[in-house]
């Protein structure tokens, strides 16, 4: 979690960014989720 916080500090991502924006192949059972 801290590693991601460091990247947030550097402006490389935000806490509320979508996972699929970084890992387009990411899938869970429910398409909405």
ModelCIF file with pLDDT and N, C-alpha, C, O atoms, coordinates in Angstrom:
data_MODEL
#
_entry.id   MODEL 
#
_entity.id                         1 
_entity.type                       polymer 
_entity.pdbx_number_of_molecules   1 
#
_entity_poly.entity_id                      1 
_entity_poly.type                           'polypeptide(L)' 
_entity_poly.nstd_linkage                   no 
_entity_poly.nstd_monomer                   no 
_entity_poly.pdbx_seq_one_letter_code       
;(UNK)(UNK)(UNK)(UNK)(UNK)(UNK)(UNK)(UNK)(UNK)(UNK)(UNK)(UNK)(UNK)(UNK)(UNK)(UNK)
(UNK)(UNK)(UNK)(UNK)(UNK)(UNK)(UNK)(UNK)(UNK)(UNK)(UNK)(UNK)(UNK)(UNK)(UNK)(UNK)
(UNK)
;
_entity_poly.pdbx_seq_one_letter_code_can   XXXXXXXXXXXXXXXXXXXXXXXXXXXXXXXXX 
_entity_poly.pdbx_strand_id                 A 
#
loop_
_entity_poly_seq.entity_id 
_entity_poly_seq.num 
_entity_poly_seq.mon_id 
_entity_poly_seq.hetero 
1 1  UNK n 
1 2  UNK n 
1 3  UNK n 
1 4  UNK n 
1 5  UNK n 
1 6  UNK n 
1 7  UNK n 
1 8  UNK n 
1 9  UNK n 
1 10 UNK n 
1 11 UNK n 
1 12 UNK n 
1 13 UNK n 
1 14 UNK n 
1 15 UNK n 
1 16 UNK n 
1 17 UNK n 
1 18 UNK n 
1 19 UNK n 
1 20 UNK n 
1 21 UNK n 
1 22 UNK n 
1 23 UNK n 
1 24 UNK n 
1 25 UNK n 
1 26 UNK n 
1 27 UNK n 
1 28 UNK n 
1 29 UNK n 
1 30 UNK n 
1 31 UNK n 
1 32 UNK n 
1 33 UNK n 
#
_struct_asym.id          A 
_struct_asym.entity_id   1 
#
loop_
_ma_qa_metric.id 
_ma_qa_metric.mode 
_ma_qa_metric.name 
_ma_qa_metric.software_group_id 
_ma_qa_metric.type 
1 global pLDDT . pLDDT 
2 local  pLDDT . pLDDT 
#
_ma_qa_metric_global.metric_id      1 
_ma_qa_metric_global.metric_value   97.82 
_ma_qa_metric_global.model_id       1 
_ma_qa_metric_global.ordinal_id     1 
#
loop_
_ma_qa_metric_local.label_asym_id 
_ma_qa_metric_local.label_comp_id 
_ma_qa_metric_local.label_seq_id 
_ma_qa_metric_local.metric_id 
_ma_qa_metric_local.metric_value 
_ma_qa_metric_local.model_id 
_ma_qa_metric_local.ordinal_id 
A UNK 1  2 98.00 1 1  
A UNK 2  2 98.00 1 2  
A UNK 3  2 98.00 1 3  
A UNK 4  2 98.00 1 4  
A UNK 5  2 98.00 1 5  
A UNK 6  2 98.00 1 6  
A UNK 7  2 98.00 1 7  
A UNK 8  2 98.00 1 8  
A UNK 9  2 98.00 1 9  
A UNK 10 2 98.00 1 10 
A UNK 11 2 98.00 1 11 
A UNK 12 2 98.00 1 12 
A UNK 13 2 97.00 1 13 
A UNK 14 2 98.00 1 14 
A UNK 15 2 98.00 1 15 
A UNK 16 2 98.00 1 16 
A UNK 17 2 98.00 1 17 
A UNK 18 2 98.00 1 18 
A UNK 19 2 98.00 1 19 
A UNK 20 2 98.00 1 20 
A UNK 21 2 98.00 1 21 
A UNK 22 2 98.00 1 22 
A UNK 23 2 98.00 1 23 
A UNK 24 2 98.00 1 24 
A UNK 25 2 98.00 1 25 
A UNK 26 2 98.00 1 26 
A UNK 27 2 97.00 1 27 
A UNK 28 2 97.00 1 28 
A UNK 29 2 97.00 1 29 
A UNK 30 2 97.00 1 30 
A UNK 31 2 97.00 1 31 
A UNK 32 2 98.00 1 32 
A UNK 33 2 98.00 1 33 
#
loop_
_atom_site.group_PDB 
_atom_site.id 
_atom_site.type_symbol 
_atom_site.label_atom_id 
_atom_site.label_alt_id 
_atom_site.label_comp_id 
_atom_site.label_asym_id 
_atom_site.label_entity_id 
_atom_site.label_seq_id 
_atom_site.pdbx_PDB_ins_code 
_atom_site.Cartn_x 
_atom_site.Cartn_y 
_atom_site.Cartn_z 
_atom_site.occupancy 
_atom_site.B_iso_or_equiv 
_atom_site.pdbx_formal_charge 
_atom_site.auth_seq_id 
_atom_site.auth_comp_id 
_atom_site.auth_asym_id 
_atom_site.auth_atom_id 
_atom_site.pdbx_PDB_model_num 
ATOM 1   N N  . UNK A 1 1  ? 0.833   -1.202  0.000   1.00 98.00 ? 1  UNK A N  1 
ATOM 2   C CA . UNK A 1 1  ? 0.000   0.000   0.000   1.00 98.00 ? 1  UNK A CA 1 
ATOM 3   C C  . UNK A 1 1  ? 0.872   1.258   0.000   1.00 98.00 ? 1  UNK A C  1 
ATOM 4   O O  . UNK A 1 1  ? 0.552   2.242   -0.667  1.00 98.00 ? 1  UNK A O  1 
ATOM 5   N N  . UNK A 1 2  ? 1.970   1.219   0.750   1.00 98.00 ? 2  UNK A N  1 
ATOM 6   C CA . UNK A 1 2  ? 2.883   2.363   0.787   1.00 98.00 ? 2  UNK A CA 1 
ATOM 7   C C  . UNK A 1 2  ? 3.554   2.582   -0.566  1.00 98.00 ? 2  UNK A C  1 
ATOM 8   O O  . UNK A 1 2  ? 3.741   3.723   -0.987  1.00 98.00 ? 2  UNK A O  1 
ATOM 9   N N  . UNK A 1 3  ? 3.916   1.495   -1.250  1.00 98.00 ? 3  UNK A N  1 
ATOM 10  C CA . UNK A 1 3  ? 4.508   1.613   -2.581  1.00 98.00 ? 3  UNK A CA 1 
ATOM 11  C C  . UNK A 1 3  ? 3.566   2.367   -3.523  1.00 98.00 ? 3  UNK A C  1 
ATOM 12  O O  . UNK A 1 3  ? 4.000   3.217   -4.301  1.00 98.00 ? 3  UNK A O  1 
ATOM 13  N N  . UNK A 1 4  ? 2.281   2.045   -3.442  1.00 98.00 ? 4  UNK A N  1 
ATOM 14  C CA . UNK A 1 4  ? 1.309   2.752   -4.284  1.00 98.00 ? 4  UNK A CA 1 
ATOM 15  C C  . UNK A 1 4  ? 1.161   4.200   -3.836  1.00 98.00 ? 4  UNK A C  1 
ATOM 16  O O  . UNK A 1 4  ? 0.953   5.086   -4.665  1.00 98.00 ? 4  UNK A O  1 
ATOM 17  N N  . UNK A 1 5  ? 1.267   4.453   -2.524  1.00 98.00 ? 5  UNK A N  1 
ATOM 18  C CA . UNK A 1 5  ? 1.217   5.819   -2.028  1.00 98.00 ? 5  UNK A CA 1 
ATOM 19  C C  . UNK A 1 5  ? 2.368   6.656   -2.557  1.00 98.00 ? 5  UNK A C  1 
ATOM 20  O O  . UNK A 1 5  ? 2.192   7.837   -2.859  1.00 98.00 ? 5  UNK A O  1 
ATOM 21  N N  . UNK A 1 6  ? 3.542   6.057   -2.672  1.00 98.00 ? 6  UNK A N  1 
ATOM 22  C CA . UNK A 1 6  ? 4.700   6.755   -3.242  1.00 98.00 ? 6  UNK A CA 1 
ATOM 23  C C  . UNK A 1 6  ? 4.411   7.139   -4.695  1.00 98.00 ? 6  UNK A C  1 
ATOM 24  O O  . UNK A 1 6  ? 4.747   8.241   -5.128  1.00 98.00 ? 6  UNK A O  1 
ATOM 25  N N  . UNK A 1 7  ? 3.788   6.228   -5.443  1.00 98.00 ? 7  UNK A N  1 
ATOM 26  C CA . UNK A 1 7  ? 3.451   6.519   -6.845  1.00 98.00 ? 7  UNK A CA 1 
ATOM 27  C C  . UNK A 1 7  ? 2.356   7.570   -6.953  1.00 98.00 ? 7  UNK A C  1 
ATOM 28  O O  . UNK A 1 7  ? 2.330   8.344   -7.909  1.00 98.00 ? 7  UNK A O  1 
ATOM 29  N N  . UNK A 1 8  ? 1.444   7.602   -5.970  1.00 98.00 ? 8  UNK A N  1 
ATOM 30  C CA . UNK A 1 8  ? 0.437   8.670   -5.924  1.00 98.00 ? 8  UNK A CA 1 
ATOM 31  C C  . UNK A 1 8  ? 1.132   10.008  -5.700  1.00 98.00 ? 8  UNK A C  1 
ATOM 32  O O  . UNK A 1 8  ? 0.812   10.999  -6.356  1.00 98.00 ? 8  UNK A O  1 
ATOM 33  N N  . UNK A 1 9  ? 2.089   10.030  -4.767  1.00 98.00 ? 9  UNK A N  1 
ATOM 34  C CA . UNK A 1 9  ? 2.839   11.270  -4.502  1.00 98.00 ? 9  UNK A CA 1 
ATOM 35  C C  . UNK A 1 9  ? 3.531   11.785  -5.758  1.00 98.00 ? 9  UNK A C  1 
ATOM 36  O O  . UNK A 1 9  ? 3.652   12.993  -5.962  1.00 98.00 ? 9  UNK A O  1 
ATOM 37  N N  . UNK A 1 10 ? 3.981   10.857  -6.595  1.00 98.00 ? 10 UNK A N  1 
ATOM 38  C CA . UNK A 1 10 ? 4.700   11.242  -7.809  1.00 98.00 ? 10 UNK A CA 1 
ATOM 39  C C  . UNK A 1 10 ? 3.761   11.573  -8.970  1.00 98.00 ? 10 UNK A C  1 
ATOM 40  O O  . UNK A 1 10 ? 4.215   11.890  -10.069 1.00 98.00 ? 10 UNK A O  1 
ATOM 41  N N  . UNK A 1 11 ? 2.455   11.497  -8.723  1.00 98.00 ? 11 UNK A N  1 
ATOM 42  C CA . UNK A 1 11 ? 1.483   11.836  -9.760  1.00 98.00 ? 11 UNK A CA 1 
ATOM 43  C C  . UNK A 1 11 ? 1.334   10.789  -10.839 1.00 98.00 ? 11 UNK A C  1 
ATOM 44  O O  . UNK A 1 11 ? 0.811   11.075  -11.917 1.00 98.00 ? 11 UNK A O  1 
ATOM 45  N N  . UNK A 1 12 ? 1.790   9.574   -10.562 1.00 98.00 ? 12 UNK A N  1 
ATOM 46  C CA . UNK A 1 12 ? 1.735   8.522   -11.573 1.00 98.00 ? 12 UNK A CA 1 
ATOM 47  C C  . UNK A 1 12 ? 0.437   7.726   -11.539 1.00 98.00 ? 12 UNK A C  1 
ATOM 48  O O  . UNK A 1 12 ? 0.138   6.984   -12.475 1.00 98.00 ? 12 UNK A O  1 
ATOM 49  N N  . UNK A 1 13 ? -0.328  7.875   -10.472 1.00 97.00 ? 13 UNK A N  1 
ATOM 50  C CA . UNK A 1 13 ? -1.648  7.250   -10.388 1.00 97.00 ? 13 UNK A CA 1 
ATOM 51  C C  . UNK A 1 13 ? -2.428  7.911   -9.260  1.00 97.00 ? 13 UNK A C  1 
ATOM 52  O O  . UNK A 1 13 ? -1.880  8.697   -8.488  1.00 97.00 ? 13 UNK A O  1 
ATOM 53  N N  . UNK A 1 14 ? -3.708  7.585   -9.176  1.00 98.00 ? 14 UNK A N  1 
ATOM 54  C CA . UNK A 1 14 ? -4.577  8.072   -8.101  1.00 98.00 ? 14 UNK A CA 1 
ATOM 55  C C  . UNK A 1 14 ? -5.270  6.895   -7.435  1.00 98.00 ? 14 UNK A C  1 
ATOM 56  O O  . UNK A 1 14 ? -5.462  5.847   -8.050  1.00 98.00 ? 14 UNK A O  1 
ATOM 57  N N  . UNK A 1 15 ? -5.644  7.073   -6.172  1.00 98.00 ? 15 UNK A N  1 
ATOM 58  C CA . UNK A 1 15 ? -6.265  5.988   -5.417  1.00 98.00 ? 15 UNK A CA 1 
ATOM 59  C C  . UNK A 1 15 ? -7.528  5.467   -6.092  1.00 98.00 ? 15 UNK A C  1 
ATOM 60  O O  . UNK A 1 15 ? -7.821  4.273   -6.022  1.00 98.00 ? 15 UNK A O  1 
ATOM 61  N N  . UNK A 1 16 ? -8.277  6.353   -6.746  1.00 98.00 ? 16 UNK A N  1 
ATOM 62  C CA . UNK A 1 16 ? -9.559  5.958   -7.333  1.00 98.00 ? 16 UNK A CA 1 
ATOM 63  C C  . UNK A 1 16 ? -9.471  5.602   -8.812  1.00 98.00 ? 16 UNK A C  1 
ATOM 64  O O  . UNK A 1 16 ? -10.492 5.470   -9.486  1.00 98.00 ? 16 UNK A O  1 
ATOM 65  N N  . UNK A 1 17 ? -8.250  5.446   -9.314  1.00 98.00 ? 17 UNK A N  1 
ATOM 66  C CA . UNK A 1 17 ? -8.082  4.986   -10.699 1.00 98.00 ? 17 UNK A CA 1 
ATOM 67  C C  . UNK A 1 17 ? -8.591  3.557   -10.839 1.00 98.00 ? 17 UNK A C  1 
ATOM 68  O O  . UNK A 1 17 ? -8.516  2.761   -9.903  1.00 98.00 ? 17 UNK A O  1 
ATOM 69  N N  . UNK A 1 18 ? -9.108  3.247   -12.018 1.00 98.00 ? 18 UNK A N  1 
ATOM 70  C CA . UNK A 1 18 ? -9.603  1.896   -12.301 1.00 98.00 ? 18 UNK A CA 1 
ATOM 71  C C  . UNK A 1 18 ? -8.434  0.936   -12.541 1.00 98.00 ? 18 UNK A C  1 
ATOM 72  O O  . UNK A 1 18 ? -7.439  1.287   -13.176 1.00 98.00 ? 18 UNK A O  1 
ATOM 73  N N  . UNK A 1 19 ? -8.580  -0.261  -12.025 1.00 98.00 ? 19 UNK A N  1 
ATOM 74  C CA . UNK A 1 19 ? -7.547  -1.288  -12.185 1.00 98.00 ? 19 UNK A CA 1 
ATOM 75  C C  . UNK A 1 19 ? -7.305  -1.589  -13.657 1.00 98.00 ? 19 UNK A C  1 
ATOM 76  O O  . UNK A 1 19 ? -6.161  -1.749  -14.082 1.00 98.00 ? 19 UNK A O  1 
ATOM 77  N N  . UNK A 1 20 ? -8.399  -1.667  -14.449 1.00 98.00 ? 20 UNK A N  1 
ATOM 78  C CA . UNK A 1 20 ? -8.270  -2.044  -15.862 1.00 98.00 ? 20 UNK A CA 1 
ATOM 79  C C  . UNK A 1 20 ? -7.515  -0.992  -16.687 1.00 98.00 ? 20 UNK A C  1 
ATOM 80  O O  . UNK A 1 20 ? -7.065  -1.275  -17.797 1.00 98.00 ? 20 UNK A O  1 
ATOM 81  N N  . UNK A 1 21 ? -7.381  0.219   -16.139 1.00 98.00 ? 21 UNK A N  1 
ATOM 82  C CA . UNK A 1 21 ? -6.597  1.231   -16.851 1.00 98.00 ? 21 UNK A CA 1 
ATOM 83  C C  . UNK A 1 21 ? -5.110  0.888   -16.829 1.00 98.00 ? 21 UNK A C  1 
ATOM 84  O O  . UNK A 1 21 ? -4.354  1.357   -17.679 1.00 98.00 ? 21 UNK A O  1 
ATOM 85  N N  . UNK A 1 22 ? -4.688  0.076   -15.864 1.00 98.00 ? 22 UNK A N  1 
ATOM 86  C CA . UNK A 1 22 ? -3.279  -0.313  -15.740 1.00 98.00 ? 22 UNK A CA 1 
ATOM 87  C C  . UNK A 1 22 ? -3.048  -1.777  -16.118 1.00 98.00 ? 22 UNK A C  1 
ATOM 88  O O  . UNK A 1 22 ? -1.994  -2.131  -16.647 1.00 98.00 ? 22 UNK A O  1 
ATOM 89  N N  . UNK A 1 23 ? -4.041  -2.622  -15.842 1.00 98.00 ? 23 UNK A N  1 
ATOM 90  C CA . UNK A 1 23 ? -3.969  -4.041  -16.203 1.00 98.00 ? 23 UNK A CA 1 
ATOM 91  C C  . UNK A 1 23 ? -5.210  -4.368  -17.036 1.00 98.00 ? 23 UNK A C  1 
ATOM 92  O O  . UNK A 1 23 ? -6.192  -4.879  -16.497 1.00 98.00 ? 23 UNK A O  1 
ATOM 93  N N  . UNK A 1 24 ? -5.180  -4.081  -18.341 1.00 98.00 ? 24 UNK A N  1 
ATOM 94  C CA . UNK A 1 24 ? -6.371  -4.257  -19.184 1.00 98.00 ? 24 UNK A CA 1 
ATOM 95  C C  . UNK A 1 24 ? -6.907  -5.690  -19.193 1.00 98.00 ? 24 UNK A C  1 
ATOM 96  O O  . UNK A 1 24 ? -8.080  -5.909  -19.497 1.00 98.00 ? 24 UNK A O  1 
ATOM 97  N N  . UNK A 1 25 ? -6.066  -6.655  -18.866 1.00 98.00 ? 25 UNK A N  1 
ATOM 98  C CA . UNK A 1 25 ? -6.476  -8.062  -18.875 1.00 98.00 ? 25 UNK A CA 1 
ATOM 99  C C  . UNK A 1 25 ? -7.128  -8.491  -17.558 1.00 98.00 ? 25 UNK A C  1 
ATOM 100 O O  . UNK A 1 25 ? -7.583  -9.629  -17.443 1.00 98.00 ? 25 UNK A O  1 
ATOM 101 N N  . UNK A 1 26 ? -7.179  -7.613  -16.581 1.00 98.00 ? 26 UNK A N  1 
ATOM 102 C CA . UNK A 1 26 ? -7.767  -7.938  -15.275 1.00 98.00 ? 26 UNK A CA 1 
ATOM 103 C C  . UNK A 1 26 ? -9.256  -8.243  -15.420 1.00 98.00 ? 26 UNK A C  1 
ATOM 104 O O  . UNK A 1 26 ? -9.996  -7.483  -16.045 1.00 98.00 ? 26 UNK A O  1 
ATOM 105 N N  . UNK A 1 27 ? -9.688  -9.360  -14.839 1.00 97.00 ? 27 UNK A N  1 
ATOM 106 C CA . UNK A 1 27 ? -11.093 -9.758  -14.876 1.00 97.00 ? 27 UNK A CA 1 
ATOM 107 C C  . UNK A 1 27 ? -11.520 -10.326 -13.530 1.00 97.00 ? 27 UNK A C  1 
ATOM 108 O O  . UNK A 1 27 ? -10.759 -11.031 -12.868 1.00 97.00 ? 27 UNK A O  1 
ATOM 109 N N  . UNK A 1 28 ? -12.768 -10.003 -13.132 1.00 97.00 ? 28 UNK A N  1 
ATOM 110 C CA . UNK A 1 28 ? -13.412 -10.684 -12.014 1.00 97.00 ? 28 UNK A CA 1 
ATOM 111 C C  . UNK A 1 28 ? -14.721 -11.281 -12.524 1.00 97.00 ? 28 UNK A C  1 
ATOM 112 O O  . UNK A 1 28 ? -15.119 -11.035 -13.662 1.00 97.00 ? 28 UNK A O  1 
ATOM 113 N N  . UNK A 1 29 ? -15.378 -12.055 -11.689 1.00 97.00 ? 29 UNK A N  1 
ATOM 114 C CA . UNK A 1 29 ? -16.557 -12.824 -12.108 1.00 97.00 ? 29 UNK A CA 1 
ATOM 115 C C  . UNK A 1 29 ? -17.669 -11.918 -12.651 1.00 97.00 ? 29 UNK A C  1 
ATOM 116 O O  . UNK A 1 29 ? -18.349 -12.268 -13.616 1.00 97.00 ? 29 UNK A O  1 
ATOM 117 N N  . UNK A 1 30 ? -17.842 -10.765 -12.028 1.00 97.00 ? 30 UNK A N  1 
ATOM 118 C CA . UNK A 1 30 ? -18.887 -9.825  -12.425 1.00 97.00 ? 30 UNK A CA 1 
ATOM 119 C C  . UNK A 1 30 ? -18.274 -8.742  -13.312 1.00 97.00 ? 30 UNK A C  1 
ATOM 120 O O  . UNK A 1 30 ? -17.347 -8.055  -12.882 1.00 97.00 ? 30 UNK A O  1 
ATOM 121 N N  . UNK A 1 31 ? -18.771 -8.575  -14.543 1.00 97.00 ? 31 UNK A N  1 
ATOM 122 C CA . UNK A 1 31 ? -18.197 -7.567  -15.456 1.00 97.00 ? 31 UNK A CA 1 
ATOM 123 C C  . UNK A 1 31 ? -18.258 -6.146  -14.897 1.00 97.00 ? 31 UNK A C  1 
ATOM 124 O O  . UNK A 1 31 ? -17.363 -5.339  -15.152 1.00 97.00 ? 31 UNK A O  1 
ATOM 125 N N  . UNK A 1 32 ? -19.309 -5.839  -14.138 1.00 98.00 ? 32 UNK A N  1 
ATOM 126 C CA . UNK A 1 32 ? -19.422 -4.496  -13.555 1.00 98.00 ? 32 UNK A CA 1 
ATOM 127 C C  . UNK A 1 32 ? -18.288 -4.266  -12.560 1.00 98.00 ? 32 UNK A C  1 
ATOM 128 O O  . UNK A 1 32 ? -17.661 -3.207  -12.551 1.00 98.00 ? 32 UNK A O  1 
ATOM 129 N N  . UNK A 1 33 ? -18.034 -5.269  -11.725 1.00 98.00 ? 33 UNK A N  1 
ATOM 130 C CA . UNK A 1 33 ? -16.953 -5.136  -10.740 1.00 98.00 ? 33 UNK A CA 1 
ATOM 131 C C  . UNK A 1 33 ? -15.610 -5.014  -11.447 1.00 98.00 ? 33 UNK A C  1 
ATOM 132 O O  . UNK A 1 33 ? -14.575 -4.894  -10.790 1.00 98.00 ? 33 UNK A O  1 
#
